[in-house]
Amino acid sequence: MKQMELGKKIGEYVMKNQIPQKLLAIKSDMTENQLSLSLNSKRKLLADEYIRICDALCVPYDKFIKPAS
């Protein structure tokens, strides 16, 4: 999976579940700007940021990586 697709998948999940980006940024220890740029594929999402986002969303780490079933 391309790095940019990952951010978009997370962004879609966040929108679908109506999770405020500000809250997610706080819970994942990122700035709102970093998170927004990552979710809009304008910034590379680092591995540790991905893990913190998954933890903040209470989803398994492979949620956005494995193919949709």
PDB file of N, CA and C in Angstrom:
ATOM      1  N   MET A   1       0.839  -1.180   0.000  1.00  0.00           N
ATOM      2  CA  MET A   1       0.000   0.000   0.000  1.00  0.00           C
ATOM      3  C   MET A   1       0.884   1.242   0.000  1.00  0.00           C
ATOM      4  N   LYS A   2       0.486   2.205  -0.772  1.00  0.00           N
ATOM      5  CA  LYS A   2       1.229   3.447  -0.828  1.00  0.00           C
ATOM      6  C   LYS A   2       1.001   4.243   0.450  1.00  0.00           C
ATOM      7  N   GLN A   3       2.021   4.982   0.850  1.00  0.00           N
ATOM      8  CA  GLN A   3       1.964   5.812   2.052  1.00  0.00           C
ATOM      9  C   GLN A   3       0.778   6.768   2.006  1.00  0.00           C
ATOM     10  N   MET A   4       0.526   7.366   0.850  1.00  0.00           N
ATOM     11  CA  MET A   4      -0.527   8.363   0.739  1.00  0.00           C
ATOM     12  C   MET A   4      -1.922   7.750   0.900  1.00  0.00           C
ATOM     13  N   GLU A   5      -2.085   6.514   0.454  1.00  0.00           N
ATOM     14  CA  GLU A   5      -3.382   5.860   0.588  1.00  0.00           C
ATOM     15  C   GLU A   5      -3.714   5.628   2.059  1.00  0.00           C
ATOM     16  N   LEU A   6      -2.717   5.403   2.866  1.00  0.00           N
ATOM     17  CA  LEU A   6      -2.910   5.138   4.282  1.00  0.00           C
ATOM     18  C   LEU A   6      -3.561   6.333   4.976  1.00  0.00           C
ATOM     19  N   GLY A   7      -3.033   7.508   4.734  1.00  0.00           N
ATOM     20  CA  GLY A   7      -3.608   8.722   5.320  1.00  0.00           C
ATOM     21  C   GLY A   7      -5.048   8.921   4.901  1.00  0.00           C
ATOM     22  N   LYS A   8      -5.333   8.670   3.634  1.00  0.00           N
ATOM     23  CA  LYS A   8      -6.702   8.831   3.136  1.00  0.00           C
ATOM     24  C   LYS A   8      -7.654   7.841   3.787  1.00  0.00           C
ATOM     25  N   LYS A   9      -7.194   6.599   3.972  1.00  0.00           N
ATOM     26  CA  LYS A   9      -8.039   5.590   4.619  1.00  0.00           C
ATOM     27  C   LYS A   9      -8.376   6.001   6.054  1.00  0.00           C
ATOM     28  N   ILE A  10      -7.382   6.497   6.756  1.00  0.00           N
ATOM     29  CA  ILE A  10      -7.617   6.954   8.129  1.00  0.00           C
ATOM     30  C   ILE A  10      -8.567   8.150   8.110  1.00  0.00           C
ATOM     31  N   GLY A  11      -8.337   9.070   7.184  1.00  0.00           N
ATOM     32  CA  GLY A  11      -9.193  10.252   7.068  1.00  0.00           C
ATOM     33  C   GLY A  11     -10.644   9.889   6.800  1.00  0.00           C
ATOM     34  N   GLU A  12     -10.861   8.902   5.937  1.00  0.00           N
ATOM     35  CA  GLU A  12     -12.223   8.454   5.642  1.00  0.00           C
ATOM     36  C   GLU A  12     -12.874   7.854   6.885  1.00  0.00           C
ATOM     37  N   TYR A  13     -12.107   7.076   7.635  1.00  0.00           N
ATOM     38  CA  TYR A  13     -12.614   6.461   8.863  1.00  0.00           C
ATOM     39  C   TYR A  13     -12.998   7.547   9.874  1.00  0.00           C
ATOM     40  N   VAL A  14     -12.154   8.540  10.009  1.00  0.00           N
ATOM     41  CA  VAL A  14     -12.387   9.633  10.943  1.00  0.00           C
ATOM     42  C   VAL A  14     -13.657  10.396  10.559  1.00  0.00           C
ATOM     43  N   MET A  15     -13.818  10.682   9.273  1.00  0.00           N
ATOM     44  CA  MET A  15     -15.015  11.394   8.809  1.00  0.00           C
ATOM     45  C   MET A  15     -16.269  10.548   8.993  1.00  0.00           C
ATOM     46  N   LYS A  16     -16.198   9.295   8.583  1.00  0.00           N
ATOM     47  CA  LYS A  16     -17.349   8.385   8.668  1.00  0.00           C
ATOM     48  C   LYS A  16     -17.839   8.243  10.107  1.00  0.00           C
ATOM     49  N   ASN A  17     -16.903   8.219  11.037  1.00  0.00           N
ATOM     50  CA  ASN A  17     -17.249   8.036  12.444  1.00  0.00           C
ATOM     51  C   ASN A  17     -17.364   9.352  13.206  1.00  0.00           C
ATOM     52  N   GLN A  18     -17.309  10.451  12.473  1.00  0.00           N
ATOM     53  CA  GLN A  18     -17.485  11.796  13.017  1.00  0.00           C
ATOM     54  C   GLN A  18     -16.580  12.066  14.227  1.00  0.00           C
ATOM     55  N   ILE A  19     -15.317  11.720  14.060  1.00  0.00           N
ATOM     56  CA  ILE A  19     -14.334  11.933  15.112  1.00  0.00           C
ATOM     57  C   ILE A  19     -13.668  13.286  14.865  1.00  0.00           C
ATOM     58  N   PRO A  20     -13.761  14.198  15.816  1.00  0.00           N
ATOM     59  CA  PRO A  20     -13.138  15.514  15.616  1.00  0.00           C
ATOM     60  C   PRO A  20     -11.608  15.382  15.466  1.00  0.00           C
ATOM     61  N   GLN A  21     -11.072  15.992  14.429  1.00  0.00           N
ATOM     62  CA  GLN A  21      -9.632  15.916  14.194  1.00  0.00           C
ATOM     63  C   GLN A  21      -8.855  16.525  15.349  1.00  0.00           C
ATOM     64  N   LYS A  22      -9.404  17.556  15.960  1.00  0.00           N
ATOM     65  CA  LYS A  22      -8.723  18.194  17.091  1.00  0.00           C
ATOM     66  C   LYS A  22      -8.550  17.189  18.228  1.00  0.00           C
ATOM     67  N   LEU A  23      -9.591  16.429  18.523  1.00  0.00           N
ATOM     68  CA  LEU A  23      -9.530  15.426  19.577  1.00  0.00           C
ATOM     69  C   LEU A  23      -8.537  14.320  19.224  1.00  0.00           C
ATOM     70  N   LEU A  24      -8.582  13.861  17.972  1.00  0.00           N
ATOM     71  CA  LEU A  24      -7.658  12.818  17.532  1.00  0.00           C
ATOM     72  C   LEU A  24      -6.214  13.309  17.601  1.00  0.00           C
ATOM     73  N   ALA A  25      -5.994  14.549  17.231  1.00  0.00           N
ATOM     74  CA  ALA A  25      -4.642  15.118  17.291  1.00  0.00           C
ATOM     75  C   ALA A  25      -4.136  15.116  18.730  1.00  0.00           C
ATOM     76  N   ILE A  26      -4.984  15.526  19.654  1.00  0.00           N
ATOM     77  CA  ILE A  26      -4.590  15.548  21.070  1.00  0.00           C
ATOM     78  C   ILE A  26      -4.283  14.140  21.558  1.00  0.00           C
ATOM     79  N   LYS A  27      -5.182  13.196  21.254  1.00  0.00           N
ATOM     80  CA  LYS A  27      -5.011  11.823  21.741  1.00  0.00           C
ATOM     81  C   LYS A  27      -3.807  11.121  21.112  1.00  0.00           C
ATOM     82  N   SER A  28      -3.441  11.513  19.907  1.00  0.00           N
ATOM     83  CA  SER A  28      -2.316  10.874  19.231  1.00  0.00           C
ATOM     84  C   SER A  28      -1.025  11.692  19.347  1.00  0.00           C
ATOM     85  N   ASP A  29      -1.057  12.742  20.169  1.00  0.00           N
ATOM     86  CA  ASP A  29       0.116  13.571  20.429  1.00  0.00           C
ATOM     87  C   ASP A  29       0.717  14.153  19.150  1.00  0.00           C
ATOM     88  N   MET A  30      -0.168  14.707  18.329  1.00  0.00           N
ATOM     89  CA  MET A  30       0.243  15.377  17.099  1.00  0.00           C
ATOM     90  C   MET A  30      -0.377  16.767  17.089  1.00  0.00           C
ATOM     91  N   THR A  31       0.194  17.659  16.293  1.00  0.00           N
ATOM     92  CA  THR A  31      -0.469  18.941  16.126  1.00  0.00           C
ATOM     93  C   THR A  31      -1.636  18.732  15.149  1.00  0.00           C
ATOM     94  N   GLU A  32      -2.601  19.606  15.223  1.00  0.00           N
ATOM     95  CA  GLU A  32      -3.734  19.512  14.289  1.00  0.00           C
ATOM     96  C   GLU A  32      -3.247  19.627  12.853  1.00  0.00           C
ATOM     97  N   ASN A  33      -2.249  20.485  12.630  1.00  0.00           N
ATOM     98  CA  ASN A  33      -1.709  20.677  11.291  1.00  0.00           C
ATOM     99  C   ASN A  33      -1.034  19.403  10.776  1.00  0.00           C
ATOM    100  N   GLN A  34      -0.215  18.763  11.614  1.00  0.00           N
ATOM    101  CA  GLN A  34       0.440  17.507  11.216  1.00  0.00           C
ATOM    102  C   GLN A  34      -0.609  16.463  10.846  1.00  0.00           C
ATOM    103  N   LEU A  35      -1.613  16.320  11.697  1.00  0.00           N
ATOM    104  CA  LEU A  35      -2.644  15.316  11.461  1.00  0.00           C
ATOM    105  C   LEU A  35      -3.405  15.616  10.180  1.00  0.00           C
ATOM    106  N   SER A  36      -3.822  16.849  10.015  1.00  0.00           N
ATOM    107  CA  SER A  36      -4.586  17.236   8.831  1.00  0.00           C
ATOM    108  C   SER A  36      -3.793  16.984   7.552  1.00  0.00           C
ATOM    109  N   LEU A  37      -2.538  17.401   7.539  1.00  0.00           N
ATOM    110  CA  LEU A  37      -1.706  17.191   6.352  1.00  0.00           C
ATOM    111  C   LEU A  37      -1.531  15.705   6.066  1.00  0.00           C
ATOM    112  N   SER A  38      -1.365  14.898   7.106  1.00  0.00           N
ATOM    113  CA  SER A  38      -1.198  13.453   6.930  1.00  0.00           C
ATOM    114  C   SER A  38      -2.466  12.811   6.381  1.00  0.00           C
ATOM    115  N   LEU A  39      -3.618  13.218   6.909  1.00  0.00           N
ATOM    116  CA  LEU A  39      -4.886  12.634   6.473  1.00  0.00           C
ATOM    117  C   LEU A  39      -5.259  13.078   5.061  1.00  0.00           C
ATOM    118  N   ASN A  40      -4.679  14.181   4.623  1.00  0.00           N
ATOM    119  CA  ASN A  40      -4.948  14.677   3.274  1.00  0.00           C
ATOM    120  C   ASN A  40      -3.811  14.349   2.304  1.00  0.00           C
ATOM    121  N   SER A  41      -2.954  13.411   2.714  1.00  0.00           N
ATOM    122  CA  SER A  41      -1.848  12.926   1.881  1.00  0.00           C
ATOM    123  C   SER A  41      -0.881  14.023   1.446  1.00  0.00           C
ATOM    124  N   LYS A  42      -0.699  15.030   2.284  1.00  0.00           N
ATOM    125  CA  LYS A  42       0.234  16.097   1.961  1.00  0.00           C
ATOM    126  C   LYS A  42       1.462  16.039   2.864  1.00  0.00           C
ATOM    127  N   ARG A  43       1.480  15.024   3.724  1.00  0.00           N
ATOM    128  CA  ARG A  43       2.608  14.827   4.639  1.00  0.00           C
ATOM    129  C   ARG A  43       2.723  13.335   4.905  1.00  0.00           C
ATOM    130  N   LYS A  44       3.948  12.860   4.972  1.00  0.00           N
ATOM    131  CA  LYS A  44       4.188  11.451   5.259  1.00  0.00           C
ATOM    132  C   LYS A  44       3.822  11.145   6.706  1.00  0.00           C
ATOM    133  N   LEU A  45       3.092  10.073   6.906  1.00  0.00           N
ATOM    134  CA  LEU A  45       2.714   9.639   8.249  1.00  0.00           C
ATOM    135  C   LEU A  45       3.816   8.725   8.775  1.00  0.00           C
ATOM    136  N   LEU A  46       4.422   9.100   9.891  1.00  0.00           N
ATOM    137  CA  LEU A  46       5.487   8.297  10.471  1.00  0.00           C
ATOM    138  C   LEU A  46       4.907   7.073  11.171  1.00  0.00           C
ATOM    139  N   ALA A  47       5.714   6.034  11.293  1.00  0.00           N
ATOM    140  CA  ALA A  47       5.247   4.780  11.885  1.00  0.00           C
ATOM    141  C   ALA A  47       4.742   4.974  13.311  1.00  0.00           C
ATOM    142  N   ASP A  48       5.481   5.742  14.114  1.00  0.00           N
ATOM    143  CA  ASP A  48       5.039   5.940  15.493  1.00  0.00           C
ATOM    144  C   ASP A  48       3.751   6.764  15.553  1.00  0.00           C
ATOM    145  N   GLU A  49       3.571   7.671  14.612  1.00  0.00           N
ATOM    146  CA  GLU A  49       2.320   8.444  14.558  1.00  0.00           C
ATOM    147  C   GLU A  49       1.159   7.530  14.198  1.00  0.00           C
ATOM    148  N   TYR A  50       1.392   6.628  13.254  1.00  0.00           N
ATOM    149  CA  TYR A  50       0.356   5.675  12.860  1.00  0.00           C
ATOM    150  C   TYR A  50      -0.079   4.833  14.063  1.00  0.00           C
ATOM    151  N   ILE A  51       0.878   4.368  14.829  1.00  0.00           N
ATOM    152  CA  ILE A  51       0.569   3.556  16.012  1.00  0.00           C
ATOM    153  C   ILE A  51      -0.230   4.372  17.027  1.00  0.00           C
ATOM    154  N   ARG A  52       0.172   5.609  17.249  1.00  0.00           N
ATOM    155  CA  ARG A  52      -0.552   6.468  18.209  1.00  0.00           C
ATOM    156  C   ARG A  52      -1.967   6.769  17.722  1.00  0.00           C
ATOM    157  N   ILE A  53      -2.135   6.941  16.417  1.00  0.00           N
ATOM    158  CA  ILE A  53      -3.473   7.184  15.864  1.00  0.00           C
ATOM    159  C   ILE A  53      -4.347   5.950  16.061  1.00  0.00           C
ATOM    160  N   CYS A  54      -3.813   4.776  15.754  1.00  0.00           N
ATOM    161  CA  CYS A  54      -4.581   3.535  15.955  1.00  0.00           C
ATOM    162  C   CYS A  54      -4.952   3.367  17.422  1.00  0.00           C
ATOM    163  N   ASP A  55      -4.007   3.651  18.313  1.00  0.00           N
ATOM    164  CA  ASP A  55      -4.295   3.568  19.754  1.00  0.00           C
ATOM    165  C   ASP A  55      -5.400   4.555  20.142  1.00  0.00           C
ATOM    166  N   ALA A  56      -5.310   5.766  19.634  1.00  0.00           N
ATOM    167  CA  ALA A  56      -6.307   6.794  19.950  1.00  0.00           C
ATOM    168  C   ALA A  56      -7.692   6.415  19.423  1.00  0.00           C
ATOM    169  N   LEU A  57      -7.723   5.741  18.272  1.00  0.00           N
ATOM    170  CA  LEU A  57      -8.991   5.315  17.675  1.00  0.00           C
ATOM    171  C   LEU A  57      -9.474   3.970  18.221  1.00  0.00           C
ATOM    172  N   CYS A  58      -8.629   3.329  19.025  1.00  0.00           N
ATOM    173  CA  CYS A  58      -8.944   1.997  19.588  1.00  0.00           C
ATOM    174  C   CYS A  58      -9.219   0.977  18.485  1.00  0.00           C
ATOM    175  N   VAL A  59      -8.359   0.990  17.488  1.00  0.00           N
ATOM    176  CA  VAL A  59      -8.479   0.032  16.384  1.00  0.00           C
ATOM    177  C   VAL A  59      -7.180  -0.774  16.299  1.00  0.00           C
ATOM    178  N   PRO A  60      -7.252  -1.994  15.750  1.00  0.00           N
ATOM    179  CA  PRO A  60      -6.018  -2.783  15.591  1.00  0.00           C
ATOM    180  C   PRO A  60      -5.069  -2.111  14.597  1.00  0.00           C
ATOM    181  N   TYR A  61      -3.784  -2.392  14.763  1.00  0.00           N
ATOM    182  CA  TYR A  61      -2.771  -1.744  13.928  1.00  0.00           C
ATOM    183  C   TYR A  61      -2.888  -2.078  12.447  1.00  0.00           C
ATOM    184  N   ASP A  62      -3.508  -3.197  12.122  1.00  0.00           N
ATOM    185  CA  ASP A  62      -3.649  -3.554  10.702  1.00  0.00           C
ATOM    186  C   ASP A  62      -4.959  -3.057  10.090  1.00  0.00           C
ATOM    187  N   LYS A  63      -5.735  -2.314  10.838  1.00  0.00           N
ATOM    188  CA  LYS A  63      -7.057  -1.833  10.383  1.00  0.00           C
ATOM    189  C   LYS A  63      -6.991  -1.116   9.034  1.00  0.00           C
ATOM    190  N   PHE A  64      -6.022  -0.263   8.847  1.00  0.00           N
ATOM    191  CA  PHE A  64      -5.955   0.549   7.632  1.00  0.00           C
ATOM    192  C   PHE A  64      -4.962  -0.004   6.617  1.00  0.00           C
ATOM    193  N   ILE A  65      -4.301  -1.095   6.969  1.00  0.00           N
ATOM    194  CA  ILE A  65      -3.291  -1.682   6.088  1.00  0.00           C
ATOM    195  C   ILE A  65      -3.835  -2.877   5.325  1.00  0.00           C
ATOM    196  N   LYS A  66      -4.605  -3.738   6.013  1.00  0.00           N
ATOM    197  CA  LYS A  66      -5.105  -4.938   5.354  1.00  0.00           C
ATOM    198  C   LYS A  66      -6.189  -4.582   4.339  1.00  0.00           C
ATOM    199  N   PRO A  67      -6.318  -5.379   3.298  1.00  0.00           N
ATOM    200  CA  PRO A  67      -7.342  -5.137   2.289  1.00  0.00           C
ATOM    201  C   PRO A  67      -8.748  -5.223   2.901  1.00  0.00           C
ATOM    202  N   ALA A  68      -9.636  -4.390   2.414  1.00  0.00           N
ATOM    203  CA  ALA A  68     -11.023  -4.416   2.903  1.00  0.00           C
ATOM    204  C   ALA A  68     -11.666  -5.743   2.529  1.00  0.00           C
ATOM    205  N   SER A  69     -12.447  -6.269   3.445  1.00  0.00           N
ATOM    206  CA  SER A  69     -13.098  -7.548   3.157  1.00  0.00           C
ATOM    207  C   SER A  69     -14.600  -7.398   3.144  1.00  0.00           C
TER     208      SER A  69
END
